[in-house]
Amino acid sequence: MKVCVCCSLSFPDEAFKIADELEALGHEVLLPNGIINRSIEKPDFDAVAAKHDNGYDAMRAHFAKIRDADVLLVCNFTKKGIENYIGANTFLEMGYAYSLEKPIYVLNQLPDQPYISDELHAFDVIELEGDLTKIK
């Protein structure tokens, strides 16, 4: 199965670890280019510029990966003091996957983020509770 991973650029090491585990389970993995390029680790990191890296539209490129994938996997880790955080860009990607009728998995439970809670539940996400073998 082709799995498109979405997560904060703050977690490249975690994303690569998840990708390795998914590949060991026989899945093909599509990672965000910002993770592949380890954008956040660059000394001149600018979140907006990273989305338009040298004229390359990283957001549209990742949307193409979502279209190409069978499922979406959101790797939601603790960030900014919020357990299982889902950021704006990841939320946008989830909405796009939902519009394409792709199954949406989240690695951990949904976060307590009241401003997106209703929408997250409406996406009918599947919570893996850390168990990647549940991706079917």
C-alpha atoms as a PDB file:
ATOM      1  CA  MET A   1       0.000   0.000   0.000  1.00  0.00           C
ATOM      2  CA  LYS A   2       1.191   3.528  -0.746  1.00  0.00           C
ATOM      3  CA  VAL A   3       1.177   5.618   2.451  1.00  0.00           C
ATOM      4  CA  CYS A   4       1.563   9.398   2.373  1.00  0.00           C
ATOM      5  CA  VAL A   5       2.947  10.709   5.662  1.00  0.00           C
ATOM      6  CA  CYS A   6       1.962  14.125   6.995  1.00  0.00           C
ATOM      7  CA  CYS A   7       3.542  15.719  10.034  1.00  0.00           C
ATOM      8  CA  SER A   8       5.157  18.829  11.377  1.00  0.00           C
ATOM      9  CA  LEU A   9       8.553  19.637   9.890  1.00  0.00           C
ATOM     10  CA  SER A  10       9.739  19.667  13.514  1.00  0.00           C
ATOM     11  CA  PHE A  11       9.888  15.863  13.497  1.00  0.00           C
ATOM     12  CA  PRO A  12      12.226  14.664  10.726  1.00  0.00           C
ATOM     13  CA  ASP A  13      13.869  11.932  12.819  1.00  0.00           C
ATOM     14  CA  GLU A  14      10.510  10.574  13.939  1.00  0.00           C
ATOM     15  CA  ALA A  15       9.136  10.689  10.373  1.00  0.00           C
ATOM     16  CA  PHE A  16      12.121   8.747   9.003  1.00  0.00           C
ATOM     17  CA  LYS A  17      11.703   6.155  11.760  1.00  0.00           C
ATOM     18  CA  ILE A  18       8.000   5.754  10.914  1.00  0.00           C
ATOM     19  CA  ALA A  19       8.879   5.494   7.201  1.00  0.00           C
ATOM     20  CA  ASP A  20      11.396   2.726   7.948  1.00  0.00           C
ATOM     21  CA  GLU A  21       8.805   0.824   9.997  1.00  0.00           C
ATOM     22  CA  LEU A  22       6.177   1.190   7.256  1.00  0.00           C
ATOM     23  CA  GLU A  23       8.622  -0.025   4.603  1.00  0.00           C
ATOM     24  CA  ALA A  24       9.506  -3.027   6.780  1.00  0.00           C
ATOM     25  CA  LEU A  25       5.765  -3.816   6.776  1.00  0.00           C
ATOM     26  CA  GLY A  26       5.793  -3.749   2.965  1.00  0.00           C
ATOM     27  CA  HIS A  27       4.355  -0.275   2.362  1.00  0.00           C
ATOM     28  CA  GLU A  28       5.636   2.342  -0.057  1.00  0.00           C
ATOM     29  CA  VAL A  29       6.113   5.649   1.779  1.00  0.00           C
ATOM     30  CA  LEU A  30       5.737   9.199   0.498  1.00  0.00           C
ATOM     31  CA  LEU A  31       7.283  11.781   2.842  1.00  0.00           C
ATOM     32  CA  PRO A  32       6.932  15.570   2.728  1.00  0.00           C
ATOM     33  CA  ASN A  33       9.832  17.207   0.888  1.00  0.00           C
ATOM     34  CA  GLY A  34      10.445  19.418   3.920  1.00  0.00           C
ATOM     35  CA  ILE A  35      11.158  16.273   5.940  1.00  0.00           C
ATOM     36  CA  ILE A  36      13.287  14.722   3.195  1.00  0.00           C
ATOM     37  CA  ASN A  37      15.319  17.939   2.924  1.00  0.00           C
ATOM     38  CA  ARG A  38      15.373  18.327   6.724  1.00  0.00           C
ATOM     39  CA  SER A  39      14.308  21.931   6.124  1.00  0.00           C
ATOM     40  CA  ILE A  40      13.819  22.883   9.758  1.00  0.00           C
ATOM     41  CA  GLU A  41      17.435  22.008  10.559  1.00  0.00           C
ATOM     42  CA  LYS A  42      18.804  24.604   8.146  1.00  0.00           C
ATOM     43  CA  PRO A  43      20.190  27.686   9.946  1.00  0.00           C
ATOM     44  CA  ASP A  44      18.160  30.083   7.812  1.00  0.00           C
ATOM     45  CA  PHE A  45      14.886  28.110   8.181  1.00  0.00           C
ATOM     46  CA  ASP A  46      11.822  30.165   7.372  1.00  0.00           C
ATOM     47  CA  ALA A  47       8.511  28.255   7.438  1.00  0.00           C
ATOM     48  CA  VAL A  48       6.955  30.287   4.627  1.00  0.00           C
ATOM     49  CA  ALA A  49      10.072  30.144   2.448  1.00  0.00           C
ATOM     50  CA  ALA A  50      10.283  26.369   3.011  1.00  0.00           C
ATOM     51  CA  LYS A  51       6.874  26.032   1.367  1.00  0.00           C
ATOM     52  CA  HIS A  52       8.293  27.831  -1.706  1.00  0.00           C
ATOM     53  CA  ASP A  53      11.839  26.474  -1.718  1.00  0.00           C
ATOM     54  CA  ASN A  54      13.629  28.084  -4.687  1.00  0.00           C
ATOM     55  CA  GLY A  55      10.409  28.384  -6.657  1.00  0.00           C
ATOM     56  CA  TYR A  56       9.386  24.812  -5.799  1.00  0.00           C
ATOM     57  CA  ASP A  57       5.866  24.734  -4.405  1.00  0.00           C
ATOM     58  CA  ALA A  58       6.201  22.189  -1.591  1.00  0.00           C
ATOM     59  CA  MET A  59       2.538  22.365  -0.614  1.00  0.00           C
ATOM     60  CA  ARG A  60       1.255  21.501  -4.098  1.00  0.00           C
ATOM     61  CA  ALA A  61       3.919  18.821  -4.428  1.00  0.00           C
ATOM     62  CA  HIS A  62       2.710  17.202  -1.223  1.00  0.00           C
ATOM     63  CA  PHE A  63      -0.906  17.419  -2.388  1.00  0.00           C
ATOM     64  CA  ALA A  64       0.200  15.451  -5.471  1.00  0.00           C
ATOM     65  CA  LYS A  65       1.662  12.815  -3.154  1.00  0.00           C
ATOM     66  CA  ILE A  66      -1.640  12.658  -1.266  1.00  0.00           C
ATOM     67  CA  ARG A  67      -3.505  12.150  -4.562  1.00  0.00           C
ATOM     68  CA  ASP A  68      -1.075   9.375  -5.514  1.00  0.00           C
ATOM     69  CA  ALA A  69      -1.307   7.565  -2.162  1.00  0.00           C
ATOM     70  CA  ASP A  70      -3.780   4.941  -1.024  1.00  0.00           C
ATOM     71  CA  VAL A  71      -3.983   6.325   2.519  1.00  0.00           C
ATOM     72  CA  LEU A  72      -2.827   9.278   4.599  1.00  0.00           C
ATOM     73  CA  LEU A  73      -0.905   8.799   7.839  1.00  0.00           C
ATOM     74  CA  VAL A  74      -0.701  11.751  10.200  1.00  0.00           C
ATOM     75  CA  CYS A  75       2.216  11.454  12.609  1.00  0.00           C
ATOM     76  CA  ASN A  76       0.981  13.574  15.469  1.00  0.00           C
ATOM     77  CA  PHE A  77       3.504  14.064  18.255  1.00  0.00           C
ATOM     78  CA  THR A  78       3.623  16.462  21.190  1.00  0.00           C
ATOM     79  CA  LYS A  79       4.499  19.996  20.107  1.00  0.00           C
ATOM     80  CA  LYS A  80       4.033  23.431  21.652  1.00  0.00           C
ATOM     81  CA  GLY A  81       2.836  21.714  24.837  1.00  0.00           C
ATOM     82  CA  ILE A  82      -0.049  20.075  22.955  1.00  0.00           C
ATOM     83  CA  GLU A  83      -0.123  16.297  23.098  1.00  0.00           C
ATOM     84  CA  ASN A  84      -0.655  14.699  19.659  1.00  0.00           C
ATOM     85  CA  TYR A  85      -0.499  18.110  17.970  1.00  0.00           C
ATOM     86  CA  ILE A  86      -1.928  18.624  14.483  1.00  0.00           C
ATOM     87  CA  GLY A  87      -0.755  21.857  12.873  1.00  0.00           C
ATOM     88  CA  ALA A  88      -2.443  24.034  10.295  1.00  0.00           C
ATOM     89  CA  ASN A  89      -0.672  22.542   7.291  1.00  0.00           C
ATOM     90  CA  THR A  90      -1.324  18.954   8.408  1.00  0.00           C
ATOM     91  CA  PHE A  91      -4.963  19.824   9.068  1.00  0.00           C
ATOM     92  CA  LEU A  92      -5.189  21.252   5.548  1.00  0.00           C
ATOM     93  CA  GLU A  93      -3.678  18.054   4.136  1.00  0.00           C
ATOM     94  CA  MET A  94      -6.162  15.962   6.103  1.00  0.00           C
ATOM     95  CA  GLY A  95      -9.031  17.983   4.644  1.00  0.00           C
ATOM     96  CA  TYR A  96      -7.636  17.453   1.162  1.00  0.00           C
ATOM     97  CA  ALA A  97      -7.310  13.684   1.716  1.00  0.00           C
ATOM     98  CA  TYR A  98     -10.854  13.640   3.066  1.00  0.00           C
ATOM     99  CA  SER A  99     -12.112  15.404  -0.064  1.00  0.00           C
ATOM    100  CA  LEU A 100     -10.408  12.697  -2.141  1.00  0.00           C
ATOM    101  CA  GLU A 101     -12.091  10.010   0.003  1.00  0.00           C
ATOM    102  CA  LYS A 102      -8.739   8.645   1.194  1.00  0.00           C
ATOM    103  CA  PRO A 103      -8.638   6.784   4.512  1.00  0.00           C
ATOM    104  CA  ILE A 104      -6.948   8.963   7.139  1.00  0.00           C
ATOM    105  CA  TYR A 105      -4.930   7.363   9.926  1.00  0.00           C
ATOM    106  CA  VAL A 106      -3.435   9.195  12.892  1.00  0.00           C
ATOM    107  CA  LEU A 107      -0.497   7.647  14.698  1.00  0.00           C
ATOM    108  CA  ASN A 108      -1.723   8.728  18.121  1.00  0.00           C
ATOM    109  CA  GLN A 109      -5.073   9.783  19.522  1.00  0.00           C
ATOM    110  CA  LEU A 110      -6.633  12.961  18.209  1.00  0.00           C
ATOM    111  CA  PRO A 111      -5.434  16.058  20.055  1.00  0.00           C
ATOM    112  CA  ASP A 112      -7.431  18.310  22.300  1.00  0.00           C
ATOM    113  CA  GLN A 113      -7.427  21.307  19.974  1.00  0.00           C
ATOM    114  CA  PRO A 114     -10.945  22.756  20.298  1.00  0.00           C
ATOM    115  CA  TYR A 115     -10.721  24.961  17.202  1.00  0.00           C
ATOM    116  CA  ILE A 116     -10.413  21.882  14.907  1.00  0.00           C
ATOM    117  CA  SER A 117     -11.851  19.098  17.067  1.00  0.00           C
ATOM    118  CA  ASP A 118     -15.221  18.834  15.324  1.00  0.00           C
ATOM    119  CA  GLU A 119     -13.621  18.715  11.891  1.00  0.00           C
ATOM    120  CA  LEU A 120     -11.044  16.121  12.952  1.00  0.00           C
ATOM    121  CA  HIS A 121     -13.826  13.845  14.164  1.00  0.00           C
ATOM    122  CA  ALA A 122     -15.865  14.492  11.006  1.00  0.00           C
ATOM    123  CA  PHE A 123     -12.929  13.190   8.921  1.00  0.00           C
ATOM    124  CA  ASP A 124     -13.633   9.723  10.407  1.00  0.00           C
ATOM    125  CA  VAL A 125      -9.956   9.230  11.182  1.00  0.00           C
ATOM    126  CA  ILE A 126      -8.638   5.888  12.343  1.00  0.00           C
ATOM    127  CA  GLU A 127      -6.506   6.178  15.478  1.00  0.00           C
ATOM    128  CA  LEU A 128      -3.627   3.683  15.381  1.00  0.00           C
ATOM    129  CA  GLU A 129      -2.510   4.164  18.992  1.00  0.00           C
ATOM    130  CA  GLY A 130       1.054   3.782  17.744  1.00  0.00           C
ATOM    131  CA  ASP A 131       0.406   0.433  15.980  1.00  0.00           C
ATOM    132  CA  LEU A 132       1.342   0.744  12.302  1.00  0.00           C
ATOM    133  CA  THR A 133       0.195  -2.827  11.614  1.00  0.00           C
ATOM    134  CA  LYS A 134      -3.389  -1.521  11.795  1.00  0.00           C
ATOM    135  CA  ILE A 135      -2.947   0.256   8.441  1.00  0.00           C
ATOM    136  CA  LYS A 136      -4.990  -1.818   5.998  1.00  0.00           C
END
